[in-house]
Amino acid sequence: HKDKLVVAPYGFESSTWDPSMDKLLPETYSASDLKGKAVCKVSLQQLMGLSENASSILVGYIFSEISDAVLENLMGVLRIASLDGVQDENVRFIDEYDEALSHLIFGGS
């Protein structure tokens, strides 16, 4: 997975969010040792009440601020995904900021 694209926002502080040093993750990991990544993914799936299927695609997105237009666009993408078989029970919106949850979303997605 180390070849996959990770998009970080402008102003992203890599030392704070580095999964090899992140004290808020249930287990740390690095590009050379991804074992902890699976632990983070399962922890996130459990916390969000999602299926713990290891082959499930898990996408996390953290907004610092979101406009009504961006939210409407995101909802449109989800409507299209539902036509392709994505079930509503597999989608979670958390409408508040939680530092530990944000780290788990970043580390487990």
PDB file of N, CA and C in Angstrom:
ATOM      1  N   HIS A   1       0.798  -1.207   0.000  1.00  0.00           N
ATOM      2  CA  HIS A   1       0.000   0.000   0.000  1.00  0.00           C
ATOM      3  C   HIS A   1       0.837   1.265   0.000  1.00  0.00           C
ATOM      4  N   LYS A   2       2.136   1.145   0.204  1.00  0.00           N
ATOM      5  CA  LYS A   2       2.950   2.340   0.316  1.00  0.00           C
ATOM      6  C   LYS A   2       3.027   3.125  -0.984  1.00  0.00           C
ATOM      7  N   ASP A   3       2.608   2.529  -2.109  1.00  0.00           N
ATOM      8  CA  ASP A   3       2.624   3.226  -3.387  1.00  0.00           C
ATOM      9  C   ASP A   3       1.357   4.038  -3.633  1.00  0.00           C
ATOM     10  N   LYS A   4       0.355   3.907  -2.749  1.00  0.00           N
ATOM     11  CA  LYS A   4      -0.910   4.611  -2.945  1.00  0.00           C
ATOM     12  C   LYS A   4      -0.760   6.085  -2.610  1.00  0.00           C
ATOM     13  N   LEU A   5      -1.555   6.871  -3.271  1.00  0.00           N
ATOM     14  CA  LEU A   5      -1.552   8.313  -3.077  1.00  0.00           C
ATOM     15  C   LEU A   5      -2.223   8.685  -1.763  1.00  0.00           C
ATOM     16  N   VAL A   6      -1.586   9.527  -1.007  1.00  0.00           N
ATOM     17  CA  VAL A   6      -2.177  10.096   0.194  1.00  0.00           C
ATOM     18  C   VAL A   6      -2.212  11.599  -0.024  1.00  0.00           C
ATOM     19  N   VAL A   7      -3.371  12.193   0.109  1.00  0.00           N
ATOM     20  CA  VAL A   7      -3.511  13.628  -0.099  1.00  0.00           C
ATOM     21  C   VAL A   7      -3.615  14.288   1.264  1.00  0.00           C
ATOM     22  N   ALA A   8      -2.712  15.176   1.539  1.00  0.00           N
ATOM     23  CA  ALA A   8      -2.711  15.887   2.811  1.00  0.00           C
ATOM     24  C   ALA A   8      -3.029  17.356   2.540  1.00  0.00           C
ATOM     25  N   PRO A   9      -3.796  17.958   3.414  1.00  0.00           N
ATOM     26  CA  PRO A   9      -4.184  19.354   3.210  1.00  0.00           C
ATOM     27  C   PRO A   9      -3.011  20.308   3.378  1.00  0.00           C
ATOM     28  N   TYR A  10      -3.148  21.483   2.798  1.00  0.00           N
ATOM     29  CA  TYR A  10      -2.164  22.542   2.950  1.00  0.00           C
ATOM     30  C   TYR A  10      -2.003  22.827   4.440  1.00  0.00           C
ATOM     31  N   GLY A  11      -0.794  22.946   4.907  1.00  0.00           N
ATOM     32  CA  GLY A  11      -0.559  23.214   6.313  1.00  0.00           C
ATOM     33  C   GLY A  11      -0.527  21.950   7.164  1.00  0.00           C
ATOM     34  N   PHE A  12      -0.573  20.815   6.530  1.00  0.00           N
ATOM     35  CA  PHE A  12      -0.568  19.520   7.203  1.00  0.00           C
ATOM     36  C   PHE A  12       0.735  19.342   7.964  1.00  0.00           C
ATOM     37  N   GLU A  13       0.655  19.051   9.236  1.00  0.00           N
ATOM     38  CA  GLU A  13       1.827  18.853  10.082  1.00  0.00           C
ATOM     39  C   GLU A  13       2.146  17.365  10.131  1.00  0.00           C
ATOM     40  N   SER A  14       3.119  16.950   9.322  1.00  0.00           N
ATOM     41  CA  SER A  14       3.396  15.520   9.169  1.00  0.00           C
ATOM     42  C   SER A  14       3.845  14.854  10.464  1.00  0.00           C
ATOM     43  N   SER A  15       4.556  15.548  11.330  1.00  0.00           N
ATOM     44  CA  SER A  15       5.005  14.901  12.562  1.00  0.00           C
ATOM     45  C   SER A  15       3.838  14.595  13.496  1.00  0.00           C
ATOM     46  N   THR A  16       2.797  15.408  13.474  1.00  0.00           N
ATOM     47  CA  THR A  16       1.614  15.176  14.303  1.00  0.00           C
ATOM     48  C   THR A  16       0.825  13.980  13.805  1.00  0.00           C
ATOM     49  N   TRP A  17       0.801  13.780  12.489  1.00  0.00           N
ATOM     50  CA  TRP A  17      -0.047  12.764  11.884  1.00  0.00           C
ATOM     51  C   TRP A  17       0.733  11.550  11.384  1.00  0.00           C
ATOM     52  N   ASP A  18       2.015  11.466  11.679  1.00  0.00           N
ATOM     53  CA  ASP A  18       2.856  10.351  11.246  1.00  0.00           C
ATOM     54  C   ASP A  18       2.412   9.078  11.973  1.00  0.00           C
ATOM     55  N   PRO A  19       1.896   8.071  11.250  1.00  0.00           N
ATOM     56  CA  PRO A  19       1.381   6.870  11.923  1.00  0.00           C
ATOM     57  C   PRO A  19       2.461   6.041  12.616  1.00  0.00           C
ATOM     58  N   SER A  20       3.717   6.304  12.336  1.00  0.00           N
ATOM     59  CA  SER A  20       4.773   5.564  13.032  1.00  0.00           C
ATOM     60  C   SER A  20       5.056   6.146  14.423  1.00  0.00           C
ATOM     61  N   MET A  21       4.531   7.357  14.691  1.00  0.00           N
ATOM     62  CA  MET A  21       4.759   8.012  15.986  1.00  0.00           C
ATOM     63  C   MET A  21       3.480   8.479  16.662  1.00  0.00           C
ATOM     64  N   ASP A  22       2.330   8.226  16.061  1.00  0.00           N
ATOM     65  CA  ASP A  22       1.064   8.775  16.543  1.00  0.00           C
ATOM     66  C   ASP A  22       0.591   8.057  17.801  1.00  0.00           C
ATOM     67  N   LYS A  23       0.625   8.749  18.929  1.00  0.00           N
ATOM     68  CA  LYS A  23       0.230   8.173  20.211  1.00  0.00           C
ATOM     69  C   LYS A  23      -1.287   7.980  20.340  1.00  0.00           C
ATOM     70  N   LEU A  24      -2.059   8.565  19.419  1.00  0.00           N
ATOM     71  CA  LEU A  24      -3.512   8.418  19.473  1.00  0.00           C
ATOM     72  C   LEU A  24      -4.017   7.180  18.721  1.00  0.00           C
ATOM     73  N   LEU A  25      -3.132   6.493  18.022  1.00  0.00           N
ATOM     74  CA  LEU A  25      -3.518   5.275  17.299  1.00  0.00           C
ATOM     75  C   LEU A  25      -3.404   4.062  18.217  1.00  0.00           C
ATOM     76  N   PRO A  26      -4.263   3.064  18.023  1.00  0.00           N
ATOM     77  CA  PRO A  26      -4.174   1.855  18.851  1.00  0.00           C
ATOM     78  C   PRO A  26      -2.880   1.083  18.615  1.00  0.00           C
ATOM     79  N   GLU A  27      -2.314   1.226  17.426  1.00  0.00           N
ATOM     80  CA  GLU A  27      -1.021   0.618  17.108  1.00  0.00           C
ATOM     81  C   GLU A  27      -0.377   1.443  16.006  1.00  0.00           C
ATOM     82  N   THR A  28       0.902   1.716  16.143  1.00  0.00           N
ATOM     83  CA  THR A  28       1.604   2.494  15.122  1.00  0.00           C
ATOM     84  C   THR A  28       2.020   1.585  13.970  1.00  0.00           C
ATOM     85  N   TYR A  29       2.356   2.208  12.844  1.00  0.00           N
ATOM     86  CA  TYR A  29       2.817   1.470  11.671  1.00  0.00           C
ATOM     87  C   TYR A  29       3.628   2.396  10.781  1.00  0.00           C
ATOM     88  N   SER A  30       4.314   1.794   9.823  1.00  0.00           N
ATOM     89  CA  SER A  30       5.123   2.566   8.874  1.00  0.00           C
ATOM     90  C   SER A  30       5.011   1.915   7.500  1.00  0.00           C
ATOM     91  N   ALA A  31       5.588   2.560   6.505  1.00  0.00           N
ATOM     92  CA  ALA A  31       5.554   2.017   5.140  1.00  0.00           C
ATOM     93  C   ALA A  31       6.280   0.681   5.068  1.00  0.00           C
ATOM     94  N   SER A  32       7.272   0.476   5.920  1.00  0.00           N
ATOM     95  CA  SER A  32       8.014  -0.789   5.892  1.00  0.00           C
ATOM     96  C   SER A  32       7.387  -1.868   6.772  1.00  0.00           C
ATOM     97  N   ASP A  33       6.453  -1.482   7.658  1.00  0.00           N
ATOM     98  CA  ASP A  33       5.776  -2.441   8.532  1.00  0.00           C
ATOM     99  C   ASP A  33       4.329  -1.998   8.723  1.00  0.00           C
ATOM    100  N   LEU A  34       3.434  -2.549   7.923  1.00  0.00           N
ATOM    101  CA  LEU A  34       2.035  -2.115   7.897  1.00  0.00           C
ATOM    102  C   LEU A  34       1.114  -2.913   8.827  1.00  0.00           C
ATOM    103  N   LYS A  35       1.658  -3.744   9.704  1.00  0.00           N
ATOM    104  CA  LYS A  35       0.805  -4.562  10.572  1.00  0.00           C
ATOM    105  C   LYS A  35      -0.159  -3.709  11.400  1.00  0.00           C
ATOM    106  N   GLY A  36       0.322  -2.600  11.927  1.00  0.00           N
ATOM    107  CA  GLY A  36      -0.519  -1.732  12.742  1.00  0.00           C
ATOM    108  C   GLY A  36      -1.643  -1.074  11.967  1.00  0.00           C
ATOM    109  N   LYS A  37      -1.483  -0.941  10.662  1.00  0.00           N
ATOM    110  CA  LYS A  37      -2.524  -0.337   9.820  1.00  0.00           C
ATOM    111  C   LYS A  37      -3.808  -1.156   9.900  1.00  0.00           C
ATOM    112  N   ALA A  38      -3.686  -2.480   9.860  1.00  0.00           N
ATOM    113  CA  ALA A  38      -4.863  -3.359   9.946  1.00  0.00           C
ATOM    114  C   ALA A  38      -5.546  -3.206  11.302  1.00  0.00           C
ATOM    115  N   VAL A  39      -4.769  -3.054  12.359  1.00  0.00           N
ATOM    116  CA  VAL A  39      -5.331  -2.855  13.700  1.00  0.00           C
ATOM    117  C   VAL A  39      -6.117  -1.543  13.745  1.00  0.00           C
ATOM    118  N   CYS A  40      -5.549  -0.493  13.156  1.00  0.00           N
ATOM    119  CA  CYS A  40      -6.221   0.809  13.113  1.00  0.00           C
ATOM    120  C   CYS A  40      -7.516   0.725  12.309  1.00  0.00           C
ATOM    121  N   LYS A  41      -7.490   0.013  11.189  1.00  0.00           N
ATOM    122  CA  LYS A  41      -8.677  -0.125  10.347  1.00  0.00           C
ATOM    123  C   LYS A  41      -9.787  -0.846  11.102  1.00  0.00           C
ATOM    124  N   VAL A  42      -9.461  -1.943  11.759  1.00  0.00           N
ATOM    125  CA  VAL A  42     -10.470  -2.695  12.513  1.00  0.00           C
ATOM    126  C   VAL A  42     -11.010  -1.843  13.659  1.00  0.00           C
ATOM    127  N   SER A  43     -10.142  -1.111  14.345  1.00  0.00           N
ATOM    128  CA  SER A  43     -10.589  -0.231  15.430  1.00  0.00           C
ATOM    129  C   SER A  43     -11.572   0.813  14.926  1.00  0.00           C
ATOM    130  N   LEU A  44     -11.268   1.400  13.769  1.00  0.00           N
ATOM    131  CA  LEU A  44     -12.157   2.398  13.178  1.00  0.00           C
ATOM    132  C   LEU A  44     -13.483   1.762  12.767  1.00  0.00           C
ATOM    133  N   GLN A  45     -13.433   0.593  12.141  1.00  0.00           N
ATOM    134  CA  GLN A  45     -14.655  -0.101  11.735  1.00  0.00           C
ATOM    135  C   GLN A  45     -15.516  -0.418  12.956  1.00  0.00           C
ATOM    136  N   GLN A  46     -14.912  -0.874  14.044  1.00  0.00           N
ATOM    137  CA  GLN A  46     -15.663  -1.187  15.258  1.00  0.00           C
ATOM    138  C   GLN A  46     -16.291   0.063  15.850  1.00  0.00           C
ATOM    139  N   LEU A  47     -15.507   1.119  15.950  1.00  0.00           N
ATOM    140  CA  LEU A  47     -15.995   2.372  16.524  1.00  0.00           C
ATOM    141  C   LEU A  47     -17.166   2.946  15.730  1.00  0.00           C
ATOM    142  N   MET A  48     -17.096   2.817  14.407  1.00  0.00           N
ATOM    143  CA  MET A  48     -18.142   3.360  13.540  1.00  0.00           C
ATOM    144  C   MET A  48     -19.288   2.375  13.300  1.00  0.00           C
ATOM    145  N   GLY A  49     -19.185   1.160  13.831  1.00  0.00           N
ATOM    146  CA  GLY A  49     -20.240   0.166  13.634  1.00  0.00           C
ATOM    147  C   GLY A  49     -20.285  -0.353  12.212  1.00  0.00           C
ATOM    148  N   LEU A  50     -19.128  -0.438  11.569  1.00  0.00           N
ATOM    149  CA  LEU A  50     -19.043  -0.930  10.198  1.00  0.00           C
ATOM    150  C   LEU A  50     -18.608  -2.393  10.194  1.00  0.00           C
ATOM    151  N   SER A  51     -18.864  -3.079   9.088  1.00  0.00           N
ATOM    152  CA  SER A  51     -18.406  -4.442   8.905  1.00  0.00           C
ATOM    153  C   SER A  51     -16.888  -4.477   9.051  1.00  0.00           C
ATOM    154  N   GLU A  52     -16.393  -5.508   9.710  1.00  0.00           N
ATOM    155  CA  GLU A  52     -14.948  -5.627   9.925  1.00  0.00           C
ATOM    156  C   GLU A  52     -14.281  -6.486   8.863  1.00  0.00           C
ATOM    157  N   ASN A  53     -14.867  -6.540   7.690  1.00  0.00           N
ATOM    158  CA  ASN A  53     -14.298  -7.287   6.578  1.00  0.00           C
ATOM    159  C   ASN A  53     -12.986  -6.623   6.155  1.00  0.00           C
ATOM    160  N   ALA A  54     -11.901  -7.379   6.212  1.00  0.00           N
ATOM    161  CA  ALA A  54     -10.577  -6.824   5.895  1.00  0.00           C
ATOM    162  C   ALA A  54     -10.469  -6.342   4.457  1.00  0.00           C
ATOM    163  N   SER A  55     -11.272  -6.919   3.560  1.00  0.00           N
ATOM    164  CA  SER A  55     -11.191  -6.515   2.158  1.00  0.00           C
ATOM    165  C   SER A  55     -12.080  -5.313   1.838  1.00  0.00           C
ATOM    166  N   SER A  56     -12.826  -4.823   2.813  1.00  0.00           N
ATOM    167  CA  SER A  56     -13.671  -3.651   2.592  1.00  0.00           C
ATOM    168  C   SER A  56     -12.813  -2.423   2.327  1.00  0.00           C
ATOM    169  N   ILE A  57     -13.268  -1.620   1.394  1.00  0.00           N
ATOM    170  CA  ILE A  57     -12.601  -0.348   1.122  1.00  0.00           C
ATOM    171  C   ILE A  57     -13.097   0.645   2.168  1.00  0.00           C
ATOM    172  N   LEU A  58     -12.178   1.319   2.800  1.00  0.00           N
ATOM    173  CA  LEU A  58     -12.522   2.274   3.842  1.00  0.00           C
ATOM    174  C   LEU A  58     -11.925   3.621   3.458  1.00  0.00           C
ATOM    175  N   VAL A  59     -12.783   4.602   3.253  1.00  0.00           N
ATOM    176  CA  VAL A  59     -12.342   5.935   2.849  1.00  0.00           C
ATOM    177  C   VAL A  59     -12.702   6.903   3.960  1.00  0.00           C
ATOM    178  N   GLY A  60     -11.716   7.644   4.428  1.00  0.00           N
ATOM    179  CA  GLY A  60     -11.957   8.647   5.451  1.00  0.00           C
ATOM    180  C   GLY A  60     -11.695  10.029   4.896  1.00  0.00           C
ATOM    181  N   TYR A  61     -12.492  10.989   5.330  1.00  0.00           N
ATOM    182  CA  TYR A  61     -12.319  12.367   4.874  1.00  0.00           C
ATOM    183  C   TYR A  61     -12.592  13.274   6.059  1.00  0.00           C
ATOM    184  N   ILE A  62     -11.655  14.128   6.371  1.00  0.00           N
ATOM    185  CA  ILE A  62     -11.794  15.032   7.509  1.00  0.00           C
ATOM    186  C   ILE A  62     -11.883  16.453   6.968  1.00  0.00           C
ATOM    187  N   PHE A  63     -12.972  17.129   7.277  1.00  0.00           N
ATOM    188  CA  PHE A  63     -13.177  18.516   6.862  1.00  0.00           C
ATOM    189  C   PHE A  63     -12.908  19.429   8.044  1.00  0.00           C
ATOM    190  N   SER A  64     -12.162  20.498   7.824  1.00  0.00           N
ATOM    191  CA  SER A  64     -12.037  21.501   8.881  1.00  0.00           C
ATOM    192  C   SER A  64     -13.243  22.436   8.817  1.00  0.00           C
ATOM    193  N   GLU A  65     -13.655  22.743   7.623  1.00  0.00           N
ATOM    194  CA  GLU A  65     -14.869  23.529   7.391  1.00  0.00           C
ATOM    195  C   GLU A  65     -15.485  22.997   6.113  1.00  0.00           C
ATOM    196  N   ILE A  66     -16.786  23.036   6.048  1.00  0.00           N
ATOM    197  CA  ILE A  66     -17.445  22.546   4.841  1.00  0.00           C
ATOM    198  C   ILE A  66     -18.595  23.485   4.497  1.00  0.00           C
ATOM    199  N   SER A  67     -18.647  23.859   3.251  1.00  0.00           N
ATOM    200  CA  SER A  67     -19.727  24.732   2.804  1.00  0.00           C
ATOM    201  C   SER A  67     -20.929  23.878   2.418  1.00  0.00           C
ATOM    202  N   ASP A  68     -22.065  24.496   2.316  1.00  0.00           N
ATOM    203  CA  ASP A  68     -23.272  23.780   1.894  1.00  0.00           C
ATOM    204  C   ASP A  68     -23.088  23.188   0.501  1.00  0.00           C
ATOM    205  N   ALA A  69     -22.390  23.923  -0.378  1.00  0.00           N
ATOM    206  CA  ALA A  69     -22.182  23.443  -1.747  1.00  0.00           C
ATOM    207  C   ALA A  69     -21.305  22.185  -1.757  1.00  0.00           C
ATOM    208  N   VAL A  70     -20.234  22.180  -0.964  1.00  0.00           N
ATOM    209  CA  VAL A  70     -19.361  21.010  -0.899  1.00  0.00           C
ATOM    210  C   VAL A  70     -20.109  19.826  -0.302  1.00  0.00           C
ATOM    211  N   LEU A  71     -20.889  20.082   0.738  1.00  0.00           N
ATOM    212  CA  LEU A  71     -21.674  19.014   1.348  1.00  0.00           C
ATOM    213  C   LEU A  71     -22.675  18.448   0.344  1.00  0.00           C
ATOM    214  N   GLU A  72     -23.311  19.285  -0.431  1.00  0.00           N
ATOM    215  CA  GLU A  72     -24.270  18.818  -1.438  1.00  0.00           C
ATOM    216  C   GLU A  72     -23.557  17.986  -2.507  1.00  0.00           C
ATOM    217  N   ASN A  73     -22.362  18.403  -2.917  1.00  0.00           N
ATOM    218  CA  ASN A  73     -21.587  17.625  -3.884  1.00  0.00           C
ATOM    219  C   ASN A  73     -21.217  16.258  -3.316  1.00  0.00           C
ATOM    220  N   LEU A  74     -20.810  16.232  -2.058  1.00  0.00           N
ATOM    221  CA  LEU A  74     -20.470  14.971  -1.410  1.00  0.00           C
ATOM    222  C   LEU A  74     -21.687  14.057  -1.330  1.00  0.00           C
ATOM    223  N   MET A  75     -22.818  14.605  -1.001  1.00  0.00           N
ATOM    224  CA  MET A  75     -24.053  13.810  -0.944  1.00  0.00           C
ATOM    225  C   MET A  75     -24.400  13.271  -2.336  1.00  0.00           C
ATOM    226  N   GLY A  76     -24.130  14.054  -3.376  1.00  0.00           N
ATOM    227  CA  GLY A  76     -24.359  13.587  -4.745  1.00  0.00           C
ATOM    228  C   GLY A  76     -23.483  12.399  -5.091  1.00  0.00           C
ATOM    229  N   VAL A  77     -22.229  12.457  -4.671  1.00  0.00           N
ATOM    230  CA  VAL A  77     -21.317  11.336  -4.900  1.00  0.00           C
ATOM    231  C   VAL A  77     -21.835  10.092  -4.194  1.00  0.00           C
ATOM    232  N   LEU A  78     -22.325  10.257  -2.978  1.00  0.00           N
ATOM    233  CA  LEU A  78     -22.866   9.111  -2.232  1.00  0.00           C
ATOM    234  C   LEU A  78     -24.125   8.557  -2.887  1.00  0.00           C
ATOM    235  N   ARG A  79     -24.953   9.420  -3.453  1.00  0.00           N
ATOM    236  CA  ARG A  79     -26.148   8.935  -4.161  1.00  0.00           C
ATOM    237  C   ARG A  79     -25.744   8.096  -5.369  1.00  0.00           C
ATOM    238  N   ILE A  80     -24.739   8.551  -6.099  1.00  0.00           N
ATOM    239  CA  ILE A  80     -24.240   7.776  -7.247  1.00  0.00           C
ATOM    240  C   ILE A  80     -23.662   6.454  -6.774  1.00  0.00           C
ATOM    241  N   ALA A  81     -22.903   6.481  -5.677  1.00  0.00           N
ATOM    242  CA  ALA A  81     -22.322   5.252  -5.131  1.00  0.00           C
ATOM    243  C   ALA A  81     -23.421   4.274  -4.721  1.00  0.00           C
ATOM    244  N   SER A  82     -24.523   4.792  -4.197  1.00  0.00           N
ATOM    245  CA  SER A  82     -25.609   3.899  -3.780  1.00  0.00           C
ATOM    246  C   SER A  82     -26.225   3.196  -4.983  1.00  0.00           C
ATOM    247  N   LEU A  83     -26.198   3.835  -6.142  1.00  0.00           N
ATOM    248  CA  LEU A  83     -26.682   3.183  -7.356  1.00  0.00           C
ATOM    249  C   LEU A  83     -25.765   2.034  -7.760  1.00  0.00           C
ATOM    250  N   ASP A  84     -24.503   2.136  -7.352  1.00  0.00           N
ATOM    251  CA  ASP A  84     -23.516   1.091  -7.648  1.00  0.00           C
ATOM    252  C   ASP A  84     -23.435   0.040  -6.543  1.00  0.00           C
ATOM    253  N   GLY A  85     -24.346   0.086  -5.584  1.00  0.00           N
ATOM    254  CA  GLY A  85     -24.409  -0.958  -4.572  1.00  0.00           C
ATOM    255  C   GLY A  85     -23.890  -0.585  -3.198  1.00  0.00           C
ATOM    256  N   VAL A  86     -23.408   0.647  -3.002  1.00  0.00           N
ATOM    257  CA  VAL A  86     -22.973   1.053  -1.666  1.00  0.00           C
ATOM    258  C   VAL A  86     -24.224   1.226  -0.802  1.00  0.00           C
ATOM    259  N   GLN A  87     -24.243   0.570   0.333  1.00  0.00           N
ATOM    260  CA  GLN A  87     -25.394   0.610   1.229  1.00  0.00           C
ATOM    261  C   GLN A  87     -25.275   1.781   2.203  1.00  0.00           C
ATOM    262  N   ASP A  88     -26.426   2.389   2.542  1.00  0.00           N
ATOM    263  CA  ASP A  88     -26.423   3.499   3.492  1.00  0.00           C
ATOM    264  C   ASP A  88     -25.798   3.104   4.829  1.00  0.00           C
ATOM    265  N   GLU A  89     -25.961   1.838   5.226  1.00  0.00           N
ATOM    266  CA  GLU A  89     -25.399   1.417   6.517  1.00  0.00           C
ATOM    267  C   GLU A  89     -23.876   1.371   6.499  1.00  0.00           C
ATOM    268  N   ASN A  90     -23.282   1.566   5.333  1.00  0.00           N
ATOM    269  CA  ASN A  90     -21.823   1.581   5.214  1.00  0.00           C
ATOM    270  C   ASN A  90     -21.248   2.992   5.141  1.00  0.00           C
ATOM    271  N   VAL A  91     -22.071   3.998   5.387  1.00  0.00           N
ATOM    272  CA  VAL A  91     -21.642   5.395   5.305  1.00  0.00           C
ATOM    273  C   VAL A  91     -21.866   6.043   6.667  1.00  0.00           C
ATOM    274  N   ARG A  92     -20.864   6.783   7.122  1.00  0.00           N
ATOM    275  CA  ARG A  92     -20.971   7.490   8.391  1.00  0.00           C
ATOM    276  C   ARG A  92     -20.580   8.945   8.203  1.00  0.00           C
ATOM    277  N   PHE A  93     -21.381   9.840   8.766  1.00  0.00           N
ATOM    278  CA  PHE A  93     -21.043  11.261   8.851  1.00  0.00           C
ATOM    279  C   PHE A  93     -20.947  11.608  10.330  1.00  0.00           C
ATOM    280  N   ILE A  94     -19.857  12.200  10.723  1.00  0.00           N
ATOM    281  CA  ILE A  94     -19.688  12.662  12.095  1.00  0.00           C
ATOM    282  C   ILE A  94     -19.604  14.175  12.015  1.00  0.00           C
ATOM    283  N   ASP A  95     -20.560  14.842  12.605  1.00  0.00           N
ATOM    284  CA  ASP A  95     -20.685  16.291  12.472  1.00  0.00           C
ATOM    285  C   ASP A  95     -20.097  17.020  13.681  1.00  0.00           C
ATOM    286  N   GLU A  96     -18.914  16.609  14.088  1.00  0.00           N
ATOM    287  CA  GLU A  96     -18.211  17.285  15.173  1.00  0.00           C
ATOM    288  C   GLU A  96     -16.742  16.908  15.068  1.00  0.00           C
ATOM    289  N   TYR A  97     -15.893  17.733  15.663  1.00  0.00           N
ATOM    290  CA  TYR A  97     -14.470  17.418  15.611  1.00  0.00           C
ATOM    291  C   TYR A  97     -14.072  16.657  16.862  1.00  0.00           C
ATOM    292  N   ASP A  98     -13.365  15.576  16.670  1.00  0.00           N
ATOM    293  CA  ASP A  98     -12.824  14.758  17.754  1.00  0.00           C
ATOM    294  C   ASP A  98     -11.390  14.418  17.365  1.00  0.00           C
ATOM    295  N   GLU A  99     -10.434  14.921  18.119  1.00  0.00           N
ATOM    296  CA  GLU A  99      -9.019  14.763  17.775  1.00  0.00           C
ATOM    297  C   GLU A  99      -8.620  13.297  17.641  1.00  0.00           C
ATOM    298  N   ALA A 100      -8.967  12.476  18.629  1.00  0.00           N
ATOM    299  CA  ALA A 100      -8.588  11.060  18.592  1.00  0.00           C
ATOM    300  C   ALA A 100      -9.253  10.350  17.412  1.00  0.00           C
ATOM    301  N   LEU A 101     -10.524  10.644  17.160  1.00  0.00           N
ATOM    302  CA  LEU A 101     -11.228  10.028  16.029  1.00  0.00           C
ATOM    303  C   LEU A 101     -10.604  10.466  14.713  1.00  0.00           C
ATOM    304  N   SER A 102     -10.211  11.717  14.605  1.00  0.00           N
ATOM    305  CA  SER A 102      -9.571  12.196  13.378  1.00  0.00           C
ATOM    306  C   SER A 102      -8.280  11.441  13.103  1.00  0.00           C
ATOM    307  N   HIS A 103      -7.504  11.186  14.138  1.00  0.00           N
ATOM    308  CA  HIS A 103      -6.265  10.416  13.955  1.00  0.00           C
ATOM    309  C   HIS A 103      -6.580   8.982  13.532  1.00  0.00           C
ATOM    310  N   LEU A 104      -7.629   8.399  14.121  1.00  0.00           N
ATOM    311  CA  LEU A 104      -8.007   7.034  13.770  1.00  0.00           C
ATOM    312  C   LEU A 104      -8.531   6.973  12.323  1.00  0.00           C
ATOM    313  N   ILE A 105      -9.293   7.987  11.903  1.00  0.00           N
ATOM    314  CA  ILE A 105      -9.762   8.049  10.513  1.00  0.00           C
ATOM    315  C   ILE A 105      -8.568   8.134   9.579  1.00  0.00           C
ATOM    316  N   PHE A 106      -7.631   9.001   9.888  1.00  0.00           N
ATOM    317  CA  PHE A 106      -6.448   9.157   9.034  1.00  0.00           C
ATOM    318  C   PHE A 106      -5.600   7.889   9.041  1.00  0.00           C
ATOM    319  N   GLY A 107      -5.419   7.279  10.204  1.00  0.00           N
ATOM    320  CA  GLY A 107      -4.569   6.109  10.319  1.00  0.00           C
ATOM    321  C   GLY A 107      -5.222   4.809   9.877  1.00  0.00           C
ATOM    322  N   GLY A 108      -6.543   4.744   9.937  1.00  0.00           N
ATOM    323  CA  GLY A 108      -7.236   3.498   9.636  1.00  0.00           C
ATOM    324  C   GLY A 108      -7.882   3.429   8.271  1.00  0.00           C
ATOM    325  N   SER A 109      -7.899   4.549   7.553  1.00  0.00           N
ATOM    326  CA  SER A 109      -8.544   4.561   6.234  1.00  0.00           C
ATOM    327  C   SER A 109      -7.577   4.158   5.150  1.00  0.00           C
TER     328      SER A 109
END
